[in-house]
């Protein structure tokens, strides 16, 4: 049995197969996910696991060079947005790189999420709690 890091085998697999510039989407419980997409569905109940807890776990195991957010998060989920920007800044410090934060409209976000290697569904039930992580390389 794996003793550290992400214990969920499908999630660990999806992170391990990321290459440079690949997308991995972490989403709330409501983002539409096409049946053809690889989905790691972690949602257990409302808020479990939270979006931020999934973000924290995933980013401990992958190198991020850019993130994409729906610009609607700024207005409709300002508290989560501010917390997420702080966590992204902390991650950039830990990785010793700059992480570019790009904003697109929610409709464009949904289209971009379909280009992901996989989508990770949390139990989050707050608006626009979604992020696309763009994989980087640590060298």
Protein backbone atom coordinates (compact mmCIF):
# COMPACT_ATOMS: atom_id res chain seq x y z
CA UNK A 1 0.00 0.00 0.00
CA UNK A 2 1.20 3.50 -0.82
CA UNK A 3 1.91 5.26 2.47
CA UNK A 4 2.27 8.94 1.51
CA UNK A 5 0.74 11.42 -0.87
CA UNK A 6 -2.45 10.72 -2.77
CA UNK A 7 -3.83 7.31 -1.87
CA UNK A 8 -6.65 7.35 -4.44
CA UNK A 9 -5.26 5.12 -7.20
CA UNK A 10 -7.15 6.66 -10.16
CA UNK A 11 -6.15 10.18 -9.09
CA UNK A 12 -2.54 9.20 -8.52
CA UNK A 13 -2.51 7.60 -11.98
CA UNK A 14 -3.93 10.70 -13.69
CA UNK A 15 -1.33 12.96 -12.06
CA UNK A 16 1.50 10.57 -12.94
CA UNK A 17 0.61 10.61 -16.62
CA UNK A 18 0.66 14.42 -16.97
CA UNK A 19 3.20 15.84 -19.38
CA UNK A 20 4.31 19.40 -20.02
CA UNK A 21 1.35 21.70 -20.84
CA UNK A 22 -1.28 19.01 -20.17
CA UNK A 23 -4.49 20.15 -18.46
CA UNK A 24 -5.95 18.68 -15.28
CA UNK A 25 -9.26 20.15 -14.15
CA UNK A 26 -10.40 20.21 -10.52
CA UNK A 27 -14.08 21.06 -10.32
CA UNK A 28 -17.03 21.53 -8.04
CA UNK A 29 -19.91 19.08 -7.87
CA UNK A 30 -21.84 20.86 -10.61
CA UNK A 31 -19.46 21.26 -13.55
CA UNK A 32 -20.75 19.23 -16.51
CA UNK A 33 -18.40 16.36 -17.33
CA UNK A 34 -18.82 14.60 -20.67
CA UNK A 35 -19.18 10.83 -20.35
CA UNK A 36 -16.21 10.44 -22.69
CA UNK A 37 -13.85 12.23 -20.24
CA UNK A 38 -11.65 10.48 -17.71
CA UNK A 39 -13.24 11.54 -14.42
CA UNK A 40 -11.93 10.91 -10.95
CA UNK A 41 -15.10 11.46 -8.95
CA UNK A 42 -14.15 12.14 -5.34
CA UNK A 43 -17.52 13.71 -4.39
CA UNK A 44 -18.95 12.02 -1.31
CA UNK A 45 -21.47 14.53 0.00
CA UNK A 46 -22.02 18.28 -0.08
CA UNK A 47 -18.65 19.88 0.62
CA UNK A 48 -16.80 16.58 1.01
CA UNK A 49 -14.11 16.71 -0.11
CA UNK A 50 -13.82 20.46 -0.46
CA UNK A 51 -12.42 22.05 -3.59
CA UNK A 52 -9.47 23.48 -1.65
CA UNK A 53 -8.57 20.16 -0.03
CA UNK A 54 -8.49 18.51 -3.46
CA UNK A 55 -6.43 21.41 -4.85
CA UNK A 56 -3.95 21.07 -1.97
CA UNK A 57 -3.57 17.31 -2.39
CA UNK A 58 -3.16 17.46 -6.16
CA UNK A 59 -0.65 20.31 -6.14
CA UNK A 60 1.61 18.47 -3.70
CA UNK A 61 2.21 15.93 -6.46
CA UNK A 62 2.35 17.94 -9.67
CA UNK A 63 4.31 20.92 -10.96
CA UNK A 64 2.06 23.76 -12.12
CA UNK A 65 3.13 26.47 -14.55
CA UNK A 66 -0.25 28.09 -15.23
CA UNK A 67 -3.83 27.99 -14.02
CA UNK A 68 -7.08 28.90 -15.71
CA UNK A 69 -10.11 30.20 -13.79
CA UNK A 70 -13.55 31.37 -14.83
CA UNK A 71 -13.59 35.13 -14.34
CA UNK A 72 -17.02 34.83 -12.70
CA UNK A 73 -15.31 33.47 -9.56
CA UNK A 74 -14.13 37.01 -8.76
CA UNK A 75 -17.70 38.28 -8.32
CA UNK A 76 -19.67 35.17 -7.36
CA UNK A 77 -17.20 33.46 -5.01
CA UNK A 78 -14.83 36.23 -3.93
CA UNK A 79 -13.71 34.56 -0.69
CA UNK A 80 -12.72 31.34 -2.41
CA UNK A 81 -11.06 33.36 -5.17
CA UNK A 82 -8.86 35.25 -2.71
CA UNK A 83 -7.95 32.08 -0.81
CA UNK A 84 -7.13 30.31 -4.05
CA UNK A 85 -4.87 33.17 -5.22
CA UNK A 86 -3.01 32.96 -1.89
CA UNK A 87 -2.58 29.19 -2.27
CA UNK A 88 -1.35 29.63 -5.85
CA UNK A 89 1.20 32.22 -4.65
CA UNK A 90 2.37 29.80 -1.92
CA UNK A 91 2.65 27.01 -4.49
CA UNK A 92 4.73 29.24 -6.76
CA UNK A 93 7.11 29.92 -3.86
CA UNK A 94 7.39 26.21 -3.06
CA UNK A 95 8.07 25.37 -6.70
CA UNK A 96 10.41 28.36 -7.22
CA UNK A 97 8.51 29.54 -10.30
CA UNK A 98 5.89 32.03 -11.38
CA UNK A 99 2.42 30.61 -11.95
CA UNK A 100 0.44 32.54 -14.54
CA UNK A 101 -3.24 33.01 -13.66
CA UNK A 102 -5.48 33.31 -16.71
CA UNK A 103 -9.17 34.18 -16.64
CA UNK A 104 -11.76 33.18 -19.22
CA UNK A 105 -15.55 33.32 -19.24
CA UNK A 106 -17.29 30.30 -17.72
CA UNK A 107 -18.47 29.01 -21.09
CA UNK A 108 -14.90 29.05 -22.40
CA UNK A 109 -13.73 27.41 -19.18
CA UNK A 110 -16.16 24.52 -19.72
CA UNK A 111 -14.89 24.09 -23.28
CA UNK A 112 -11.24 24.17 -22.16
CA UNK A 113 -11.92 21.67 -19.38
CA UNK A 114 -12.87 19.14 -22.05
CA UNK A 115 -9.26 19.30 -23.30
CA UNK A 116 -8.04 18.01 -19.93
CA UNK A 117 -6.31 14.67 -19.49
CA UNK A 118 -8.80 14.17 -16.67
CA UNK A 119 -11.33 15.98 -14.52
CA UNK A 120 -11.28 15.60 -10.74
CA UNK A 121 -14.70 16.19 -9.19
CA UNK A 122 -14.87 17.43 -5.62
CA UNK A 123 -17.92 17.66 -3.38
CA UNK A 124 -17.72 21.47 -3.42
CA UNK A 125 -21.10 23.16 -3.73
CA UNK A 126 -20.12 26.81 -4.13
CA UNK A 127 -20.21 28.69 -7.45
CA UNK A 128 -17.32 28.64 -9.91
CA UNK A 129 -15.09 26.49 -7.69
CA UNK A 130 -13.19 25.16 -10.69
CA UNK A 131 -9.60 25.38 -11.89
CA UNK A 132 -7.57 24.04 -14.77
CA UNK A 133 -4.00 23.25 -13.78
CA UNK A 134 -1.50 23.42 -16.62
CA UNK A 135 1.33 21.02 -16.00
CA UNK A 136 4.87 22.30 -16.03
CA UNK A 137 8.27 20.73 -15.57
CA UNK A 138 10.47 21.25 -12.51
CA UNK A 139 13.64 21.77 -14.53
